[in-house]
Amino acid sequence: MQGKRIIIKLGTSTLTHESGKLNIRKMEQIVRAAADIVGMGNEVIIVTSAAISAGTAKLGLPERPKELNAKMAVSAIGQAQLMHIYDSLFSEYGCTVAQILLTDENVENEKNAQNLSNTFRTLLDMGVIPIVNENDSVASSEIESGHHKVLGDNDTLSAIVARLTQADLLILMSDIDGLYDSDPRVNPDARLLHDVLEITPKILEMAGGAGSRRGTGGMVTKISAAKIATEAGIDMIIINSSDIQNLYDIIDGKTVGTRFIAKKISSNTGES
């Protein structure tokens, strides 16, 4: 794979240890692979989670805060920590990064969305790797206010970024191998689905169950992201982050994880 625009979404379970502290070794492995993928002639955008976990660890708190204001404050601290690490690691491989923090308003408003799309395009043209997260220090207030949430989780955020940037591929890295036809924790004969051609009610039924206790996303949010991406003509793949080779296998065109196949969009009518 060469000359492609690839979104890589990193979940909290991928970026942290069971203790909740950042997994620096895993981050370094992912950064090295991402820099290598750029070196192959591709463009990469990172959508990152773990700001609250990073802030909690930075402050030495025994657990993630429960109060909204504390979550917002801890997220702001953690985001600075995350960007410091990303900048340091990517710099080792000659890559420049940029931080983009988003709220619903950035993607709901047509003019804002266009400005955002232009910013992404300019950064990528400069050879920069944008690192994206939801601006929890601002956006979290919408959770309690009851305001309609467009984002809400970083699986959805990554799909919206993929659509905004007209990406070729969205990769969700998590602590699961992909979508199974039943819960592999309960059924030892559960079968991993390698290709999903259409998101049917049966597929939605397979998505039941929560994600890691350290993150907010489960399979349901990943299916939701797949719907956004595939309807925009973008393939989405779920892979397990425990083996960084999975990233290289995707670039080499090998079958890994679960791939949700994009709908074909007519260039004349705009319809699938």
Protein backbone atom coordinates (compact mmCIF):
# COMPACT_ATOMS: atom_id res chain seq x y z
CA MET A 1 0.00 0.00 0.00
CA GLN A 2 1.44 3.34 -1.05
CA GLY A 3 0.09 6.85 -1.51
CA LYS A 4 -2.88 6.25 0.80
CA ARG A 5 -4.38 8.43 3.53
CA ILE A 6 -4.71 6.27 6.63
CA ILE A 7 -6.41 7.07 9.94
CA ILE A 8 -5.12 5.09 12.93
CA LYS A 9 -7.30 5.23 16.03
CA LEU A 10 -5.68 4.24 19.31
CA GLY A 11 -7.93 3.24 22.20
CA THR A 12 -7.21 3.77 25.88
CA SER A 13 -6.68 0.03 26.40
CA THR A 14 -3.99 0.15 23.70
CA LEU A 15 -2.16 3.13 25.19
CA THR A 16 -2.25 2.22 28.89
CA HIS A 17 -1.25 -0.56 31.27
CA GLU A 18 -3.79 -2.27 33.53
CA SER A 19 -2.64 0.23 36.17
CA GLY A 20 -3.99 3.04 33.99
CA LYS A 21 -0.54 4.53 33.38
CA LEU A 22 0.65 5.12 29.84
CA ASN A 23 2.25 2.14 28.12
CA ILE A 24 5.33 3.88 26.74
CA ARG A 25 6.72 0.74 25.10
CA LYS A 26 3.48 0.19 23.17
CA MET A 27 3.33 3.86 22.19
CA GLU A 28 6.89 3.68 20.89
CA GLN A 29 6.10 0.58 18.82
CA ILE A 30 3.04 2.23 17.29
CA VAL A 31 4.88 5.48 16.58
CA ARG A 32 7.73 3.59 14.91
CA ALA A 33 5.27 1.70 12.69
CA ALA A 34 3.32 4.87 11.85
CA ALA A 35 6.53 6.70 10.93
CA ASP A 36 7.50 3.73 8.78
CA ILE A 37 4.11 3.78 7.03
CA VAL A 38 4.64 7.47 6.26
CA GLY A 39 8.10 6.59 4.98
CA MET A 40 6.47 4.18 2.52
CA GLY A 41 4.74 7.16 0.91
CA ASN A 42 1.45 7.23 2.82
CA GLU A 43 -0.22 9.96 4.88
CA VAL A 44 -1.13 9.13 8.49
CA ILE A 45 -3.51 10.77 10.94
CA ILE A 46 -3.58 9.54 14.54
CA VAL A 47 -6.78 9.69 16.60
CA THR A 48 -5.76 9.16 20.21
CA SER A 49 -7.55 8.36 23.44
CA ALA A 50 -6.21 8.17 27.03
CA ALA A 51 -6.06 11.86 28.02
CA ILE A 52 -7.99 11.27 31.25
CA SER A 53 -5.93 8.18 32.08
CA ALA A 54 -2.69 10.06 31.40
CA GLY A 55 -3.79 12.99 33.57
CA THR A 56 -4.89 10.69 36.38
CA ALA A 57 -1.48 9.00 36.38
CA LYS A 58 0.39 12.29 36.08
CA LEU A 59 -1.33 13.63 39.21
CA GLY A 60 -0.84 10.37 41.10
CA LEU A 61 -4.57 9.98 41.71
CA PRO A 62 -5.72 6.56 42.95
CA GLU A 63 -8.50 6.39 40.32
CA ARG A 64 -10.10 8.36 37.51
CA PRO A 65 -12.14 11.26 38.90
CA LYS A 66 -15.91 10.96 38.82
CA GLU A 67 -16.92 14.64 38.96
CA LEU A 68 -17.29 16.37 35.60
CA ASN A 69 -15.10 19.38 36.42
CA ALA A 70 -12.33 17.12 37.70
CA LYS A 71 -12.53 14.96 34.56
CA MET A 72 -12.22 18.05 32.38
CA ALA A 73 -9.23 19.34 34.35
CA VAL A 74 -7.48 15.97 34.42
CA SER A 75 -8.08 15.58 30.68
CA ALA A 76 -6.37 18.91 29.99
CA ILE A 77 -3.33 17.78 32.00
CA GLY A 78 -3.28 14.37 30.34
CA GLN A 79 -3.57 15.81 26.83
CA ALA A 80 -0.41 17.86 27.39
CA GLN A 81 1.34 14.72 28.63
CA LEU A 82 0.19 12.71 25.62
CA MET A 83 1.35 15.31 23.11
CA HIS A 84 4.72 15.64 24.82
CA ILE A 85 5.28 11.90 24.43
CA TYR A 86 3.99 11.76 20.85
CA ASP A 87 6.15 14.73 19.86
CA SER A 88 9.25 13.21 21.49
CA LEU A 89 8.74 9.76 19.95
CA PHE A 90 7.85 10.93 16.44
CA SER A 91 10.78 13.37 16.47
CA GLU A 92 13.14 10.41 16.91
CA TYR A 93 11.99 9.20 13.49
CA GLY A 94 12.15 12.60 11.81
CA CYS A 95 8.39 13.24 11.90
CA THR A 96 6.60 16.45 12.89
CA VAL A 97 3.24 16.26 14.65
CA ALA A 98 0.38 18.72 15.17
CA GLN A 99 -2.38 18.68 17.78
CA ILE A 100 -6.03 19.01 16.76
CA LEU A 101 -8.70 19.01 19.49
CA LEU A 102 -12.30 18.80 18.32
CA THR A 103 -15.79 19.44 19.64
CA ASP A 104 -19.19 18.77 18.10
CA GLU A 105 -19.34 22.34 16.80
CA ASN A 106 -16.23 21.76 14.71
CA VAL A 107 -17.87 19.00 12.70
CA GLU A 108 -21.58 19.97 12.83
CA ASN A 109 -21.14 23.47 11.41
CA GLU A 110 -20.54 23.30 7.65
CA LYS A 111 -18.13 26.25 7.54
CA ASN A 112 -16.16 24.99 10.55
CA ALA A 113 -16.00 21.51 9.04
CA GLN A 114 -14.65 22.93 5.78
CA ASN A 115 -12.04 24.98 7.63
CA LEU A 116 -11.06 21.86 9.55
CA SER A 117 -10.79 19.84 6.35
CA ASN A 118 -8.55 22.54 4.86
CA THR A 119 -6.33 22.47 7.97
CA PHE A 120 -5.91 18.70 7.73
CA ARG A 121 -5.08 18.92 4.04
CA THR A 122 -2.50 21.66 4.60
CA LEU A 123 -0.83 19.77 7.44
CA LEU A 124 -0.65 16.58 5.38
CA ASP A 125 0.74 18.53 2.42
CA MET A 126 3.47 19.76 4.77
CA GLY A 127 4.30 16.17 5.70
CA VAL A 128 2.94 16.63 9.24
CA ILE A 129 1.17 13.89 11.21
CA PRO A 130 -2.00 15.34 12.81
CA ILE A 131 -2.83 13.90 16.24
CA VAL A 132 -6.52 14.25 17.04
CA ASN A 133 -8.57 13.94 20.19
CA GLU A 134 -11.92 15.22 21.39
CA ASN A 135 -11.51 18.38 23.43
CA ASP A 136 -12.79 16.84 26.67
CA SER A 137 -12.00 19.96 28.69
CA VAL A 138 -14.71 21.73 26.67
CA ALA A 139 -16.87 19.05 25.10
CA SER A 140 -17.54 17.06 28.29
CA SER A 141 -19.83 19.82 29.53
CA GLU A 142 -22.28 18.74 26.82
CA ILE A 143 -22.71 15.37 28.54
CA GLU A 144 -24.43 16.90 31.56
CA SER A 145 -26.22 19.67 29.66
CA GLY A 146 -28.08 17.12 27.53
CA HIS A 147 -26.81 18.74 24.32
CA HIS A 148 -26.90 16.41 21.33
CA LYS A 149 -23.57 14.66 21.05
CA VAL A 150 -22.11 14.09 17.59
CA LEU A 151 -18.81 12.73 18.88
CA GLY A 152 -18.92 11.22 22.37
CA ASP A 153 -16.37 8.48 21.74
CA ASN A 154 -13.17 8.29 19.75
CA ASP A 155 -14.34 5.44 17.53
CA THR A 156 -16.99 7.79 16.16
CA LEU A 157 -14.52 10.67 16.13
CA SER A 158 -12.05 8.69 14.02
CA ALA A 159 -14.76 7.83 11.48
CA ILE A 160 -15.79 11.48 11.23
CA VAL A 161 -12.15 12.50 10.75
CA ALA A 162 -11.83 9.83 8.05
CA ARG A 163 -14.88 11.24 6.29
CA LEU A 164 -13.71 14.86 6.66
CA THR A 165 -10.29 14.08 5.24
CA GLN A 166 -11.56 11.69 2.54
CA ALA A 167 -9.27 8.99 3.89
CA ASP A 168 -8.64 5.71 2.10
CA LEU A 169 -8.64 3.55 5.21
CA LEU A 170 -9.58 3.71 8.90
CA ILE A 171 -7.80 1.36 11.31
CA LEU A 172 -9.11 0.90 14.85
CA MET A 173 -6.45 -0.53 17.16
CA SER A 174 -7.88 -2.04 20.33
CA ASP A 175 -7.53 -4.96 22.73
CA ILE A 176 -9.73 -7.23 20.60
CA ASP A 177 -9.01 -9.19 17.42
CA GLY A 178 -12.11 -7.97 15.61
CA LEU A 179 -15.80 -8.84 15.39
CA TYR A 180 -16.77 -12.39 16.38
CA ASP A 181 -20.05 -14.13 15.57
CA SER A 182 -20.48 -14.64 19.34
CA ASP A 183 -18.70 -13.61 22.52
CA PRO A 184 -15.30 -15.41 22.51
CA ARG A 185 -15.08 -14.97 26.28
CA VAL A 186 -18.13 -17.21 26.64
CA ASN A 187 -18.02 -19.35 23.51
CA PRO A 188 -14.65 -20.99 22.77
CA ASP A 189 -15.93 -21.81 19.26
CA ALA A 190 -16.66 -18.16 18.42
CA ARG A 191 -15.56 -17.35 14.88
CA LEU A 192 -13.72 -14.16 13.90
CA LEU A 193 -15.35 -12.45 10.92
CA HIS A 194 -12.68 -11.24 8.49
CA ASP A 195 -14.99 -9.35 6.10
CA VAL A 196 -18.27 -7.56 6.73
CA LEU A 197 -20.00 -6.52 3.51
CA GLU A 198 -23.03 -4.91 5.13
CA ILE A 199 -23.96 -3.78 8.63
CA THR A 200 -27.14 -5.77 9.16
CA PRO A 201 -29.28 -6.23 12.29
CA LYS A 202 -27.45 -9.54 12.79
CA ILE A 203 -24.08 -7.74 12.78
CA LEU A 204 -25.43 -5.23 15.29
CA GLU A 205 -26.56 -8.13 17.47
CA MET A 206 -23.03 -9.57 17.42
CA ALA A 207 -21.69 -6.24 18.69
CA GLY A 208 -23.19 -6.62 22.17
CA GLY A 209 -20.82 -6.25 25.11
CA ALA A 210 -18.64 -3.58 26.64
CA GLY A 211 -15.05 -2.72 25.91
CA SER A 212 -12.10 -2.47 28.26
CA ARG A 213 -12.78 -1.04 31.69
CA ARG A 214 -10.08 1.56 30.97
CA GLY A 215 -11.83 2.96 27.91
CA THR A 216 -15.29 4.12 26.88
CA GLY A 217 -15.61 2.28 23.56
CA GLY A 218 -16.99 -1.20 23.01
CA MET A 219 -17.87 -3.10 19.85
CA VAL A 220 -21.12 -1.14 19.51
CA THR A 221 -19.25 2.14 19.00
CA LYS A 222 -16.90 0.41 16.53
CA ILE A 223 -19.85 -0.79 14.46
CA SER A 224 -21.25 2.75 14.57
CA ALA A 225 -17.90 4.06 13.32
CA ALA A 226 -17.88 1.42 10.58
CA LYS A 227 -21.29 2.63 9.41
CA ILE A 228 -20.05 6.21 9.12
CA ALA A 229 -16.85 5.19 7.35
CA THR A 230 -18.31 2.68 4.90
CA GLU A 231 -21.16 5.01 3.92
CA ALA A 232 -18.46 7.57 3.06
CA GLY A 233 -16.73 5.02 0.83
CA ILE A 234 -13.95 4.19 3.33
CA ASP A 235 -12.94 0.70 4.46
CA MET A 236 -12.51 0.23 8.21
CA ILE A 237 -10.47 -2.49 9.91
CA ILE A 238 -10.46 -3.53 13.58
CA ILE A 239 -7.17 -5.08 14.72
CA ASN A 240 -5.60 -6.15 17.98
CA SER A 241 -2.84 -3.77 19.08
CA SER A 242 -1.01 -6.52 20.97
CA ASP A 243 0.89 -7.34 17.76
CA ILE A 244 2.23 -4.31 15.88
CA GLN A 245 2.89 -6.62 12.91
CA ASN A 246 -0.87 -6.37 12.28
CA LEU A 247 -0.33 -2.82 11.03
CA TYR A 248 2.33 -3.94 8.56
CA ASP A 249 0.14 -6.85 7.43
CA ILE A 250 -2.62 -4.41 6.52
CA ILE A 251 -0.20 -2.29 4.53
CA ASP A 252 1.00 -5.47 2.76
CA GLY A 253 -2.57 -6.35 1.83
CA LYS A 254 -2.86 -9.36 4.12
CA THR A 255 -6.06 -10.42 5.86
CA VAL A 256 -6.02 -9.39 9.51
CA GLY A 257 -8.73 -8.49 12.01
CA THR A 258 -12.19 -7.56 10.70
CA ARG A 259 -12.53 -5.40 7.59
CA PHE A 260 -15.79 -3.53 6.98
CA ILE A 261 -16.07 -3.07 3.23
CA ALA A 262 -16.93 0.41 1.97
CA LYS A 263 -20.04 1.03 -0.06
CA LYS A 264 -19.38 1.94 -3.66
CA ILE A 265 -20.29 5.56 -4.26
CA SER A 266 -21.22 6.72 -7.74
CA SER A 267 -19.17 9.73 -8.83
CA ASN A 268 -22.09 10.93 -10.94
CA THR A 269 -24.99 10.76 -8.51
CA GLY A 270 -23.26 10.56 -5.17
CA GLU A 271 -25.43 7.53 -4.37
CA SER A 272 -24.21 4.12 -3.29
